N, C-alpha and C. Protein backbone atom coordinates (compact mmCIF):
# COMPACT_ATOMS: atom_id res chain seq x y z
N UNK A 1 -58.16 74.45 75.90
CA UNK A 1 -57.59 74.17 74.57
C UNK A 1 -58.30 73.06 73.89
N UNK A 2 -58.60 72.08 74.76
CA UNK A 2 -59.28 70.84 74.04
C UNK A 2 -60.62 71.29 73.51
N UNK A 3 -61.28 72.23 74.37
CA UNK A 3 -62.60 72.69 73.87
C UNK A 3 -62.57 73.51 72.67
N UNK A 4 -61.51 74.33 72.42
CA UNK A 4 -61.35 75.00 71.30
C UNK A 4 -61.12 74.07 70.03
N UNK A 5 -60.36 73.16 70.18
CA UNK A 5 -60.07 72.17 69.08
C UNK A 5 -61.45 71.45 68.82
N UNK A 6 -62.14 71.14 69.80
CA UNK A 6 -63.46 70.33 69.54
C UNK A 6 -64.45 71.32 68.89
N UNK A 7 -64.54 72.59 69.09
CA UNK A 7 -65.51 73.57 68.48
C UNK A 7 -65.09 73.74 67.08
N UNK A 8 -63.79 73.85 66.76
CA UNK A 8 -63.31 74.00 65.36
C UNK A 8 -63.56 72.73 64.50
N UNK A 9 -63.27 71.58 65.15
CA UNK A 9 -63.53 70.35 64.47
C UNK A 9 -65.04 70.15 64.14
N UNK A 10 -65.85 70.42 65.11
CA UNK A 10 -67.30 70.24 64.99
C UNK A 10 -67.83 71.13 63.80
N UNK A 11 -67.24 72.31 63.63
CA UNK A 11 -67.72 73.20 62.67
C UNK A 11 -67.24 72.80 61.20
N UNK A 12 -66.29 71.79 61.18
CA UNK A 12 -65.72 71.44 59.88
C UNK A 12 -66.37 70.10 59.31
N UNK A 13 -66.60 69.28 60.33
CA UNK A 13 -67.09 67.89 59.85
C UNK A 13 -68.68 67.67 59.59
N UNK A 14 -68.92 66.65 58.89
CA UNK A 14 -70.37 66.31 58.68
C UNK A 14 -70.96 65.31 59.72
N UNK A 15 -70.04 64.81 60.62
CA UNK A 15 -70.37 63.86 61.67
C UNK A 15 -69.78 64.33 63.09
N UNK A 16 -70.29 65.37 63.59
CA UNK A 16 -69.85 65.85 64.81
C UNK A 16 -69.90 64.97 66.01
N UNK A 17 -70.70 63.93 65.95
CA UNK A 17 -70.70 62.93 67.04
C UNK A 17 -69.53 62.15 67.23
N UNK A 18 -68.83 61.96 66.00
CA UNK A 18 -67.54 61.21 66.09
C UNK A 18 -66.31 61.95 66.53
N UNK A 19 -66.41 63.36 66.74
CA UNK A 19 -65.28 64.05 67.13
C UNK A 19 -64.90 63.60 68.60
N UNK A 20 -63.51 63.32 68.76
CA UNK A 20 -63.13 63.01 70.09
C UNK A 20 -61.81 63.76 70.25
N UNK A 21 -61.65 64.51 71.49
CA UNK A 21 -60.43 65.21 71.80
C UNK A 21 -59.94 64.74 73.08
N UNK A 22 -58.66 64.43 73.12
CA UNK A 22 -58.02 63.93 74.37
C UNK A 22 -56.76 64.78 74.60
N UNK A 23 -56.36 64.89 75.75
CA UNK A 23 -55.27 65.68 76.37
C UNK A 23 -54.24 64.83 76.98
N UNK A 24 -52.93 64.88 76.65
CA UNK A 24 -51.84 64.29 77.52
C UNK A 24 -50.92 65.47 77.72
N UNK A 25 -50.56 65.40 79.04
CA UNK A 25 -49.70 66.53 79.58
C UNK A 25 -48.34 65.81 80.00
N UNK A 26 -47.30 66.46 79.45
CA UNK A 26 -46.01 66.06 79.93
C UNK A 26 -45.31 67.28 80.72
N UNK A 27 -44.09 67.23 81.08
CA UNK A 27 -43.54 68.31 81.83
C UNK A 27 -43.47 69.59 81.13
N UNK A 28 -43.01 69.65 79.75
CA UNK A 28 -42.97 70.90 79.14
C UNK A 28 -43.79 71.02 77.96
N UNK A 29 -44.75 70.02 77.70
CA UNK A 29 -45.47 70.06 76.53
C UNK A 29 -46.84 69.50 76.83
N UNK A 30 -47.77 69.94 76.09
CA UNK A 30 -49.28 69.36 76.02
C UNK A 30 -49.61 68.76 74.56
N UNK A 31 -50.12 67.49 74.64
CA UNK A 31 -50.41 66.78 73.38
C UNK A 31 -51.83 66.74 73.28
N UNK A 32 -52.51 67.29 72.21
CA UNK A 32 -54.01 67.30 72.15
C UNK A 32 -54.13 66.41 70.84
N UNK A 33 -54.88 65.17 71.03
CA UNK A 33 -55.12 64.30 69.98
C UNK A 33 -56.63 64.55 69.59
N UNK A 34 -56.79 64.69 68.33
CA UNK A 34 -58.14 64.91 67.59
C UNK A 34 -58.41 63.71 66.78
N UNK A 35 -59.60 63.01 67.13
CA UNK A 35 -60.06 61.94 66.20
C UNK A 35 -61.37 62.28 65.60
N UNK A 36 -61.54 62.01 64.32
CA UNK A 36 -62.73 62.28 63.72
C UNK A 36 -63.03 60.98 62.85
N UNK A 37 -64.25 61.01 62.27
CA UNK A 37 -64.74 59.90 61.37
C UNK A 37 -63.71 59.79 60.19
N UNK A 38 -63.62 58.62 59.71
CA UNK A 38 -62.66 58.44 58.47
C UNK A 38 -63.10 59.34 57.40
N UNK A 39 -64.39 59.42 57.11
CA UNK A 39 -64.92 60.17 55.89
C UNK A 39 -64.73 61.60 56.12
N UNK A 40 -64.47 62.22 57.35
CA UNK A 40 -64.26 63.67 57.71
C UNK A 40 -62.77 63.97 57.71
N UNK A 41 -61.84 62.95 57.64
CA UNK A 41 -60.44 63.28 57.82
C UNK A 41 -59.95 64.33 56.82
N UNK A 42 -60.42 64.31 55.58
CA UNK A 42 -60.01 65.22 54.58
C UNK A 42 -60.49 66.59 54.91
N UNK A 43 -61.47 66.88 55.48
CA UNK A 43 -62.13 68.14 55.81
C UNK A 43 -61.33 68.81 56.87
N UNK A 44 -60.71 67.90 57.89
CA UNK A 44 -60.02 68.38 58.98
C UNK A 44 -58.58 68.76 58.60
N UNK A 45 -58.05 67.94 57.62
CA UNK A 45 -56.69 68.12 57.10
C UNK A 45 -56.58 69.33 56.14
N UNK A 46 -57.48 69.27 55.23
CA UNK A 46 -57.64 70.28 54.12
C UNK A 46 -56.51 70.09 52.96
N UNK A 47 -56.66 70.87 52.00
CA UNK A 47 -55.69 70.66 50.93
C UNK A 47 -54.38 71.06 51.35
N UNK A 48 -53.39 70.26 51.10
CA UNK A 48 -52.04 70.30 51.46
C UNK A 48 -51.92 70.80 52.89
N UNK A 49 -52.78 70.21 53.69
CA UNK A 49 -52.63 70.41 55.23
C UNK A 49 -52.89 71.75 55.63
N UNK A 50 -53.65 72.61 54.91
CA UNK A 50 -53.79 74.04 55.30
C UNK A 50 -54.72 74.18 56.58
N UNK A 51 -55.84 73.42 56.57
CA UNK A 51 -56.64 73.42 57.71
C UNK A 51 -56.16 73.05 58.97
N UNK A 52 -55.31 71.86 58.87
CA UNK A 52 -54.65 71.29 60.03
C UNK A 52 -53.57 72.35 60.63
N UNK A 53 -52.98 72.96 59.63
CA UNK A 53 -51.84 73.91 60.03
C UNK A 53 -52.57 75.16 60.71
N UNK A 54 -53.64 75.45 60.20
CA UNK A 54 -54.43 76.69 60.79
C UNK A 54 -54.98 76.37 62.17
N UNK A 55 -55.41 75.19 62.45
CA UNK A 55 -55.94 74.71 63.71
C UNK A 55 -54.70 74.80 64.73
N UNK A 56 -53.57 74.23 64.24
CA UNK A 56 -52.36 74.21 65.10
C UNK A 56 -51.88 75.58 65.54
N UNK A 57 -52.02 76.46 64.58
CA UNK A 57 -51.61 77.95 64.81
C UNK A 57 -52.64 78.59 65.85
N UNK A 58 -53.84 78.38 65.68
CA UNK A 58 -54.85 79.06 66.62
C UNK A 58 -54.52 78.34 68.08
N UNK A 59 -54.39 77.12 68.08
CA UNK A 59 -54.27 76.46 69.39
C UNK A 59 -52.93 76.89 70.05
N UNK A 60 -51.93 77.08 69.27
CA UNK A 60 -50.53 77.46 69.75
C UNK A 60 -50.68 79.03 70.30
N UNK A 61 -51.49 79.79 69.57
CA UNK A 61 -51.70 81.10 70.07
C UNK A 61 -52.45 81.30 71.30
N UNK A 62 -53.54 80.40 71.49
CA UNK A 62 -54.22 80.41 72.65
C UNK A 62 -53.48 79.73 73.93
N UNK A 63 -52.25 78.96 73.64
CA UNK A 63 -51.67 78.41 74.70
C UNK A 63 -50.39 79.25 75.07
N UNK A 64 -50.30 80.52 74.74
CA UNK A 64 -49.11 81.30 75.17
C UNK A 64 -49.27 81.64 76.48
N UNK A 65 -50.44 81.56 77.25
CA UNK A 65 -50.59 81.83 78.59
C UNK A 65 -50.02 80.82 79.55
N UNK A 66 -50.07 79.58 78.99
CA UNK A 66 -49.58 78.48 79.79
C UNK A 66 -48.06 78.14 79.71
N UNK A 67 -47.44 78.96 78.67
CA UNK A 67 -45.97 78.79 78.49
C UNK A 67 -45.40 77.35 78.44
N UNK A 68 -46.23 76.53 77.58
CA UNK A 68 -45.82 75.13 77.32
C UNK A 68 -46.02 74.98 75.89
N UNK A 69 -45.25 74.06 75.27
CA UNK A 69 -45.35 73.79 73.91
C UNK A 69 -46.67 72.86 73.76
N UNK A 70 -47.49 73.12 72.65
CA UNK A 70 -48.67 72.56 72.45
C UNK A 70 -48.70 71.83 71.09
N UNK A 71 -48.94 70.52 71.03
CA UNK A 71 -48.91 69.78 69.80
C UNK A 71 -50.26 69.20 69.45
N UNK A 72 -50.91 69.58 68.43
CA UNK A 72 -52.00 68.94 67.96
C UNK A 72 -51.86 67.91 66.99
N UNK A 73 -52.30 66.67 67.39
CA UNK A 73 -52.05 65.54 66.62
C UNK A 73 -53.43 65.04 66.15
N UNK A 74 -53.60 64.93 64.78
CA UNK A 74 -54.73 64.40 64.11
C UNK A 74 -54.53 62.96 63.97
N UNK A 75 -55.30 62.06 64.68
CA UNK A 75 -55.16 60.65 64.70
C UNK A 75 -56.13 59.92 63.79
N UNK A 76 -55.77 58.88 63.19
CA UNK A 76 -56.59 58.04 62.23
C UNK A 76 -57.58 57.33 63.12
């Protein structure tokens, strides 16, 4: 799932070297943190958060096999 988030983010941003994805796993959920360059933050979030919502939807759909709740957090 981290690789999926990284591929999507790299396609959206102007500075793909600054994309960092980390994963924290708890007993019933997985938290994926996405960090991008400050100037690319708007491209990852999108107007009214549409792109961020789409990323979260795709990741949740791919996580159905693991039967855990997945949270994608876009960090400043």
